[in-house]
Structures are given as structure tokens and as C-alpha cells.
Amino acid sequence: MITNKKKNEKTTEIYFDETPAPVVIRTHNTALKKRLLIFAKKFPNICRLTDDDELGYLSFEIDKARFSIRITEPYTEERRALARAKMNEINNKEDIV
């Protein structure tokens, strides 16, 4: 969809407060919109589409108990080396079978 908006104008906004009100997510992000649309169709009592401005911006309300933010630490070189070794081991086993 062509919106004539620059990438830095295509934002994702998350409204979350300490009241029991649902979380509101407004986004231009295509991948996030697809995930939220699928989730809203599968669980309409938990998540629902509330607004579509027809310029690529969708707004959703989600039950606060179903919403989380995950922040992950960067991998250390040691952890990367262990993961690389494990994947090499798995790939070598597949070659043998």
C-alpha cells in the first residue's frame, strides 16, 4: 500500500497504563499487523481490531494479561561458539543418516 509516508513516519505506538484497561497498539508495521490480525481472528475475546485509517495504520486492543515485552541480552562470544558447535554437530549427524 502506498501511503506517501516516509519510513520514519510509519510508527508503532503502544499505550499501556496501570489501569485494567486493555493495551492499545497502533502500527504501520506490516509484519506486526499480520500477526495481530491473525491473533484477533483466532481470539476475538482477547484481541480486536478497533480502527483502520485506510492509509496503512491499524489499531488493536489487547487484553493486558496477554501482552508482554521481552528484552533479551546480546549473546556473548562464548554462547555463540557453543551454539555454532551444537549446530555443526546436528548438521553432521544429518549428513550421516
C-alpha atoms as a PDB file:
ATOM      1  CA  MET A   1       0.000   0.000   0.000  1.00  0.00           C
ATOM      2  CA  ILE A   2       1.380   3.402  -0.972  1.00  0.00           C
ATOM      3  CA  THR A   3       0.875   5.934   1.818  1.00  0.00           C
ATOM      4  CA  ASN A   4       3.279   8.708   0.771  1.00  0.00           C
ATOM      5  CA  LYS A   5       4.805   8.495   4.238  1.00  0.00           C
ATOM      6  CA  LYS A   6       8.497   8.170   4.950  1.00  0.00           C
ATOM      7  CA  LYS A   7       9.721   5.170   6.921  1.00  0.00           C
ATOM      8  CA  ASN A   8      10.420   7.314   9.983  1.00  0.00           C
ATOM      9  CA  GLU A   9       6.779   8.465   9.915  1.00  0.00           C
ATOM     10  CA  LYS A  10       5.491   4.869   9.966  1.00  0.00           C
ATOM     11  CA  THR A  11       5.422   4.278  13.689  1.00  0.00           C
ATOM     12  CA  THR A  12       4.196   1.713  16.174  1.00  0.00           C
ATOM     13  CA  GLU A  13       2.593   3.114  19.305  1.00  0.00           C
ATOM     14  CA  ILE A  14       1.817   1.043  22.396  1.00  0.00           C
ATOM     15  CA  TYR A  15      -0.465   2.558  25.029  1.00  0.00           C
ATOM     16  CA  PHE A  16      -0.142   0.753  28.336  1.00  0.00           C
ATOM     17  CA  ASP A  17      -1.055   2.088  31.766  1.00  0.00           C
ATOM     18  CA  GLU A  18      -1.617   0.685  35.242  1.00  0.00           C
ATOM     19  CA  THR A  19      -5.408   0.603  34.970  1.00  0.00           C
ATOM     20  CA  PRO A  20      -7.302  -2.562  33.970  1.00  0.00           C
ATOM     21  CA  ALA A  21      -7.918  -1.027  30.531  1.00  0.00           C
ATOM     22  CA  PRO A  22      -6.674  -3.056  27.551  1.00  0.00           C
ATOM     23  CA  VAL A  23      -3.383  -2.337  25.822  1.00  0.00           C
ATOM     24  CA  VAL A  24      -3.792  -0.301  22.631  1.00  0.00           C
ATOM     25  CA  ILE A  25      -1.383  -0.911  19.760  1.00  0.00           C
ATOM     26  CA  ARG A  26      -1.405   1.339  16.689  1.00  0.00           C
ATOM     27  CA  THR A  27       1.014   0.390  13.926  1.00  0.00           C
ATOM     28  CA  HIS A  28       2.088   0.701  10.304  1.00  0.00           C
ATOM     29  CA  ASN A  29       4.388  -2.342  10.644  1.00  0.00           C
ATOM     30  CA  THR A  30       3.167  -4.935   8.148  1.00  0.00           C
ATOM     31  CA  ALA A  31       4.518  -7.993   9.985  1.00  0.00           C
ATOM     32  CA  LEU A  32       3.019  -6.856  13.289  1.00  0.00           C
ATOM     33  CA  LYS A  33      -0.322  -6.038  11.639  1.00  0.00           C
ATOM     34  CA  LYS A  34      -0.485  -9.526  10.116  1.00  0.00           C
ATOM     35  CA  ARG A  35       0.308 -11.184  13.448  1.00  0.00           C
ATOM     36  CA  LEU A  36      -2.271  -9.087  15.283  1.00  0.00           C
ATOM     37  CA  LEU A  37      -4.952  -9.713  12.632  1.00  0.00           C
ATOM     38  CA  ILE A  38      -4.410 -13.474  12.870  1.00  0.00           C
ATOM     39  CA  PHE A  39      -4.472 -13.291  16.672  1.00  0.00           C
ATOM     40  CA  ALA A  40      -7.651 -11.163  16.623  1.00  0.00           C
ATOM     41  CA  LYS A  41      -9.416 -13.648  14.325  1.00  0.00           C
ATOM     42  CA  LYS A  42      -8.342 -16.597  16.441  1.00  0.00           C
ATOM     43  CA  PHE A  43      -9.106 -14.967  19.822  1.00  0.00           C
ATOM     44  CA  PRO A  44     -11.745 -12.236  19.324  1.00  0.00           C
ATOM     45  CA  ASN A  45     -12.490 -12.064  23.052  1.00  0.00           C
ATOM     46  CA  ILE A  46      -8.840 -11.176  23.796  1.00  0.00           C
ATOM     47  CA  CYS A  47      -7.815  -9.012  20.833  1.00  0.00           C
ATOM     48  CA  ARG A  48      -9.785  -6.898  18.398  1.00  0.00           C
ATOM     49  CA  LEU A  49      -9.177  -4.508  15.538  1.00  0.00           C
ATOM     50  CA  THR A  50     -10.523  -1.111  16.597  1.00  0.00           C
ATOM     51  CA  ASP A  51      -9.506   1.216  13.773  1.00  0.00           C
ATOM     52  CA  ASP A  52      -8.283   1.159  10.179  1.00  0.00           C
ATOM     53  CA  ASP A  53      -7.470   4.578   8.740  1.00  0.00           C
ATOM     54  CA  GLU A  54      -7.154   3.071   5.215  1.00  0.00           C
ATOM     55  CA  LEU A  55      -3.667   4.589   4.936  1.00  0.00           C
ATOM     56  CA  GLY A  56      -1.940   1.543   6.378  1.00  0.00           C
ATOM     57  CA  TYR A  57      -2.431   2.340  10.062  1.00  0.00           C
ATOM     58  CA  LEU A  58      -4.266  -0.281  12.158  1.00  0.00           C
ATOM     59  CA  SER A  59      -5.256  -0.027  15.805  1.00  0.00           C
ATOM     60  CA  PHE A  60      -5.860  -3.000  18.113  1.00  0.00           C
ATOM     61  CA  GLU A  61      -6.968  -3.511  21.703  1.00  0.00           C
ATOM     62  CA  ILE A  62      -5.470  -6.484  23.540  1.00  0.00           C
ATOM     63  CA  ASP A  63      -6.254  -7.892  26.963  1.00  0.00           C
ATOM     64  CA  LYS A  64      -3.476  -6.725  29.266  1.00  0.00           C
ATOM     65  CA  ALA A  65      -2.893 -10.278  30.557  1.00  0.00           C
ATOM     66  CA  ARG A  66      -1.949 -11.404  27.009  1.00  0.00           C
ATOM     67  CA  PHE A  67       0.568  -8.627  26.333  1.00  0.00           C
ATOM     68  CA  SER A  68       4.269  -8.737  27.198  1.00  0.00           C
ATOM     69  CA  ILE A  69       7.519  -7.109  26.167  1.00  0.00           C
ATOM     70  CA  ARG A  70      10.660  -9.206  26.008  1.00  0.00           C
ATOM     71  CA  ILE A  71      14.105  -7.638  26.193  1.00  0.00           C
ATOM     72  CA  THR A  72      16.997 -10.001  25.570  1.00  0.00           C
ATOM     73  CA  GLU A  73      20.665  -9.636  26.353  1.00  0.00           C
ATOM     74  CA  PRO A  74      23.127  -9.859  23.464  1.00  0.00           C
ATOM     75  CA  TYR A  75      24.867 -13.217  23.034  1.00  0.00           C
ATOM     76  CA  THR A  76      28.421 -13.478  24.333  1.00  0.00           C
ATOM     77  CA  GLU A  77      31.091 -14.857  22.027  1.00  0.00           C
ATOM     78  CA  GLU A  78      31.225 -17.950  24.241  1.00  0.00           C
ATOM     79  CA  ARG A  79      27.491 -18.558  23.817  1.00  0.00           C
ATOM     80  CA  ARG A  80      27.758 -18.043  20.049  1.00  0.00           C
ATOM     81  CA  ALA A  81      30.628 -20.530  19.861  1.00  0.00           C
ATOM     82  CA  LEU A  82      28.631 -23.129  21.826  1.00  0.00           C
ATOM     83  CA  ALA A  83      25.579 -22.628  19.600  1.00  0.00           C
ATOM     84  CA  ARG A  84      27.726 -22.851  16.460  1.00  0.00           C
ATOM     85  CA  ALA A  85      29.348 -26.076  17.693  1.00  0.00           C
ATOM     86  CA  LYS A  86      25.952 -27.575  18.555  1.00  0.00           C
ATOM     87  CA  MET A  87      24.543 -26.736  15.109  1.00  0.00           C
ATOM     88  CA  ASN A  88      27.630 -28.178  13.398  1.00  0.00           C
ATOM     89  CA  GLU A  89      27.146 -31.360  15.435  1.00  0.00           C
ATOM     90  CA  ILE A  90      23.469 -31.560  14.429  1.00  0.00           C
ATOM     91  CA  ASN A  91      24.262 -30.890  10.762  1.00  0.00           C
ATOM     92  CA  ASN A  92      26.996 -33.546  10.735  1.00  0.00           C
ATOM     93  CA  LYS A  93      24.596 -36.123  12.221  1.00  0.00           C
ATOM     94  CA  GLU A  94      22.083 -35.381   9.455  1.00  0.00           C
ATOM     95  CA  ASP A  95      24.774 -35.989   6.822  1.00  0.00           C
ATOM     96  CA  ILE A  96      25.469 -39.448   8.273  1.00  0.00           C
ATOM     97  CA  VAL A  97      21.832 -40.581   8.291  1.00  0.00           C
END
